[in-house]
């Protein structure tokens, strides 16, 4: 119904980005720039997107500097690792893939997101 006003997206496509309570603070549906855009606040959305991108760049530069210092000092450096996935080589294709290692649903049940980084 009213698809012509919704870029001819299906109902499923329109609801994929709908906010859901209780999700991790890192859930992409919580992106503030996206919310602003969806609410038609284009200028604010663009400014927020630029802020988020700069925050990501700063975080990446910090991790790169920490890795460089660790290499110079000869100390171990633990690179960034996803919270709920791990990279493994597929035994059949030999391709690297991300495999769910657990923890998300338990954190969601407890509403304990203390391990989540502040990405927004």
Protein backbone atom coordinates (compact mmCIF):
# COMPACT_ATOMS: atom_id res chain seq x y z
CA UNK A 1 0.00 0.00 0.00
CA UNK A 2 1.31 3.47 -0.96
CA UNK A 3 4.49 1.91 -2.44
CA UNK A 4 4.85 4.84 -4.84
CA UNK A 5 5.58 7.03 -1.81
CA UNK A 6 8.13 4.57 -0.45
CA UNK A 7 10.40 4.18 -3.52
CA UNK A 8 8.51 0.98 -4.37
CA UNK A 9 10.15 -0.88 -1.49
CA UNK A 10 8.35 -3.92 -0.16
CA UNK A 11 6.92 -3.86 3.35
CA UNK A 12 9.78 -6.09 4.47
CA UNK A 13 12.41 -3.73 3.04
CA UNK A 14 10.72 -0.76 4.73
CA UNK A 15 10.78 -2.43 8.14
CA UNK A 16 14.35 -3.79 8.09
CA UNK A 17 15.69 -0.59 9.61
CA UNK A 18 12.85 -0.06 12.08
CA UNK A 19 14.10 0.65 15.61
CA UNK A 20 13.84 -2.23 18.06
CA UNK A 21 14.08 -1.83 21.81
CA UNK A 22 16.70 -3.74 23.74
CA UNK A 23 19.30 -3.98 20.97
CA UNK A 24 22.99 -3.37 21.47
CA UNK A 25 24.13 0.26 21.44
CA UNK A 26 26.28 -0.69 18.42
CA UNK A 27 23.26 -1.87 16.39
CA UNK A 28 23.28 -0.06 13.04
CA UNK A 29 19.61 0.81 13.49
CA UNK A 30 20.75 3.20 16.22
CA UNK A 31 22.90 5.30 13.88
CA UNK A 32 21.90 8.86 14.67
CA UNK A 33 22.68 10.14 11.18
CA UNK A 34 20.41 7.53 9.66
CA UNK A 35 17.55 8.41 12.00
CA UNK A 36 17.91 12.10 11.14
CA UNK A 37 17.88 11.29 7.44
CA UNK A 38 14.80 9.08 7.78
CA UNK A 39 13.07 11.95 9.55
CA UNK A 40 13.89 14.29 6.67
CA UNK A 41 16.44 16.36 8.60
CA UNK A 42 19.03 16.24 5.81
CA UNK A 43 21.42 18.97 6.93
CA UNK A 44 21.61 17.61 10.46
CA UNK A 45 22.01 14.07 9.11
CA UNK A 46 24.93 15.13 6.94
CA UNK A 47 26.65 16.93 9.82
CA UNK A 48 26.12 13.90 12.08
CA UNK A 49 27.46 11.54 9.41
CA UNK A 50 30.60 13.65 9.13
CA UNK A 51 31.01 13.62 12.93
CA UNK A 52 30.67 9.82 13.02
CA UNK A 53 33.15 9.36 10.18
CA UNK A 54 35.69 11.58 11.93
CA UNK A 55 35.17 9.61 15.15
CA UNK A 56 35.85 6.39 13.22
CA UNK A 57 38.99 7.86 11.65
CA UNK A 58 40.26 8.98 15.05
CA UNK A 59 39.63 5.54 16.52
CA UNK A 60 41.40 3.83 13.64
CA UNK A 61 44.40 6.18 13.92
CA UNK A 62 44.61 5.49 17.67
CA UNK A 63 44.61 1.71 17.07
CA UNK A 64 47.26 2.08 14.35
CA UNK A 65 49.45 4.20 16.66
CA UNK A 66 49.07 1.66 19.48
CA UNK A 67 50.07 -1.15 17.11
CA UNK A 68 53.08 0.82 15.86
CA UNK A 69 54.22 1.57 19.44
CA UNK A 70 53.84 -2.07 20.39
CA UNK A 71 55.89 -3.13 17.38
CA UNK A 72 58.64 -0.63 18.25
CA UNK A 73 58.66 -1.69 21.90
CA UNK A 74 58.42 -5.38 21.09
CA UNK A 75 55.36 -5.71 23.30
CA UNK A 76 52.33 -7.81 22.37
CA UNK A 77 49.46 -5.95 20.76
CA UNK A 78 45.96 -7.37 20.67
CA UNK A 79 44.23 -5.96 17.59
CA UNK A 80 40.54 -5.14 17.50
CA UNK A 81 38.33 -8.21 17.55
CA UNK A 82 34.57 -8.33 17.01
CA UNK A 83 32.58 -9.10 20.15
CA UNK A 84 30.34 -11.85 18.83
CA UNK A 85 32.16 -13.19 15.77
CA UNK A 86 35.51 -14.74 15.02
CA UNK A 87 37.36 -15.14 11.76
CA UNK A 88 37.89 -18.70 10.64
CA UNK A 89 38.93 -20.39 7.47
CA UNK A 90 36.10 -22.36 5.90
CA UNK A 91 37.28 -25.99 5.75
CA UNK A 92 35.78 -26.51 2.29
CA UNK A 93 36.37 -23.22 0.44
CA UNK A 94 39.42 -22.09 2.47
CA UNK A 95 37.85 -18.60 2.48
CA UNK A 96 38.03 -16.49 5.64
CA UNK A 97 34.60 -16.02 7.17
CA UNK A 98 33.10 -14.53 10.32
CA UNK A 99 31.40 -17.15 12.47
CA UNK A 100 29.11 -16.32 15.39
CA UNK A 101 30.86 -17.31 18.63
CA UNK A 102 28.03 -16.57 21.03
CA UNK A 103 27.27 -13.98 23.67
CA UNK A 104 24.95 -11.56 21.89
CA UNK A 105 21.64 -13.15 22.88
CA UNK A 106 22.84 -13.60 26.46
CA UNK A 107 23.80 -9.92 26.62
CA UNK A 108 20.45 -8.98 25.11
CA UNK A 109 18.55 -11.10 27.64
CA UNK A 110 20.45 -9.46 30.51
CA UNK A 111 20.54 -6.04 28.82
CA UNK A 112 24.23 -5.97 29.69
CA UNK A 113 26.02 -4.09 26.94
CA UNK A 114 29.09 -3.20 29.01
CA UNK A 115 31.42 -4.83 26.47
CA UNK A 116 30.15 -2.69 23.59
CA UNK A 117 32.35 0.18 22.44
CA UNK A 118 30.96 3.70 22.06
CA UNK A 119 30.79 3.92 18.27
CA UNK A 120 28.12 6.59 17.86
